[in-house]
Amino acid sequence: MDGYTREELDEALTAVQSIIHKCEAARKKFPRGTAHHTLLERRLRAMYLSRALICRELSGADGRER
């Protein structure tokens, strides 16, 4: 993820974590098997992946020049 500063990654991580929290709360309101529940499941998988990639980049960003 070259080209992003540590600050940008930190801000993105905060946003992704907020989206995860909101989607997890919303998912509880819809029965399994409904379109809304499926959409939120897919959205959450994408956000978990995004969070993992950002965290991996942040852990490797320490000590690197940008």
Protein backbone atom coordinates (compact mmCIF):
# COMPACT_ATOMS: atom_id res chain seq x y z
CA MET A 1 0.00 0.00 0.00
CA ASP A 2 2.72 2.38 -0.93
CA GLY A 3 1.76 5.99 -1.18
CA TYR A 4 -0.23 6.23 2.05
CA THR A 5 1.07 7.94 5.15
CA ARG A 6 0.74 6.44 8.61
CA GLU A 7 -1.82 9.14 9.43
CA GLU A 8 -3.94 8.22 6.39
CA LEU A 9 -3.83 4.55 7.35
CA ASP A 10 -4.78 5.38 10.95
CA GLU A 11 -7.76 7.42 9.73
CA ALA A 12 -8.82 4.65 7.36
CA LEU A 13 -8.57 2.10 10.17
CA THR A 14 -10.78 4.23 12.39
CA ALA A 15 -13.38 4.48 9.61
CA VAL A 16 -13.28 0.75 8.88
CA GLN A 17 -13.67 -0.11 12.55
CA SER A 18 -16.68 2.20 12.76
CA ILE A 19 -18.27 0.54 9.73
CA ILE A 20 -17.65 -2.90 11.25
CA HIS A 21 -19.31 -1.87 14.50
CA LYS A 22 -22.35 -0.44 12.72
CA CYS A 23 -22.73 -3.44 10.39
CA GLU A 24 -22.45 -5.90 13.28
CA ALA A 25 -25.20 -4.05 15.13
CA ALA A 26 -27.42 -3.84 12.04
CA ARG A 27 -26.91 -7.53 11.18
CA LYS A 28 -28.57 -8.55 14.45
CA LYS A 29 -31.79 -6.83 13.33
CA PHE A 30 -32.28 -8.96 10.20
CA PRO A 31 -33.10 -12.67 10.10
CA ARG A 32 -30.51 -14.97 8.56
CA GLY A 33 -31.30 -15.64 4.91
CA THR A 34 -32.77 -12.23 4.14
CA ALA A 35 -31.19 -10.00 1.52
CA HIS A 36 -30.25 -7.40 4.15
CA HIS A 37 -28.54 -10.00 6.33
CA THR A 38 -26.60 -11.40 3.36
CA LEU A 39 -25.54 -7.91 2.27
CA LEU A 40 -24.27 -7.12 5.76
CA GLU A 41 -22.41 -10.45 5.97
CA ARG A 42 -20.61 -9.68 2.71
CA ARG A 43 -19.91 -6.12 3.75
CA LEU A 44 -18.47 -7.33 7.05
CA ARG A 45 -16.18 -9.84 5.32
CA ALA A 46 -14.85 -7.01 3.13
CA MET A 47 -14.35 -4.76 6.15
CA TYR A 48 -12.57 -7.50 8.15
CA LEU A 49 -10.24 -7.99 5.20
CA SER A 50 -9.67 -4.24 4.89
CA ARG A 51 -8.90 -3.99 8.60
CA ALA A 52 -6.41 -6.86 8.40
CA LEU A 53 -4.61 -5.32 5.43
CA ILE A 54 -4.43 -1.89 7.03
CA CYS A 55 -3.16 -3.37 10.30
CA ARG A 56 -0.55 -5.40 8.42
CA GLU A 57 0.59 -2.28 6.58
CA LEU A 58 0.74 -0.28 9.81
CA SER A 59 2.81 -2.94 11.56
CA GLY A 60 5.23 -2.99 8.64
CA ALA A 61 5.25 0.79 8.28
CA ASP A 62 7.18 1.34 11.50
CA GLY A 63 10.70 2.35 10.68
CA ARG A 64 10.07 2.73 6.95
CA GLU A 65 10.48 6.05 5.25
CA ARG A 66 7.56 7.43 3.30
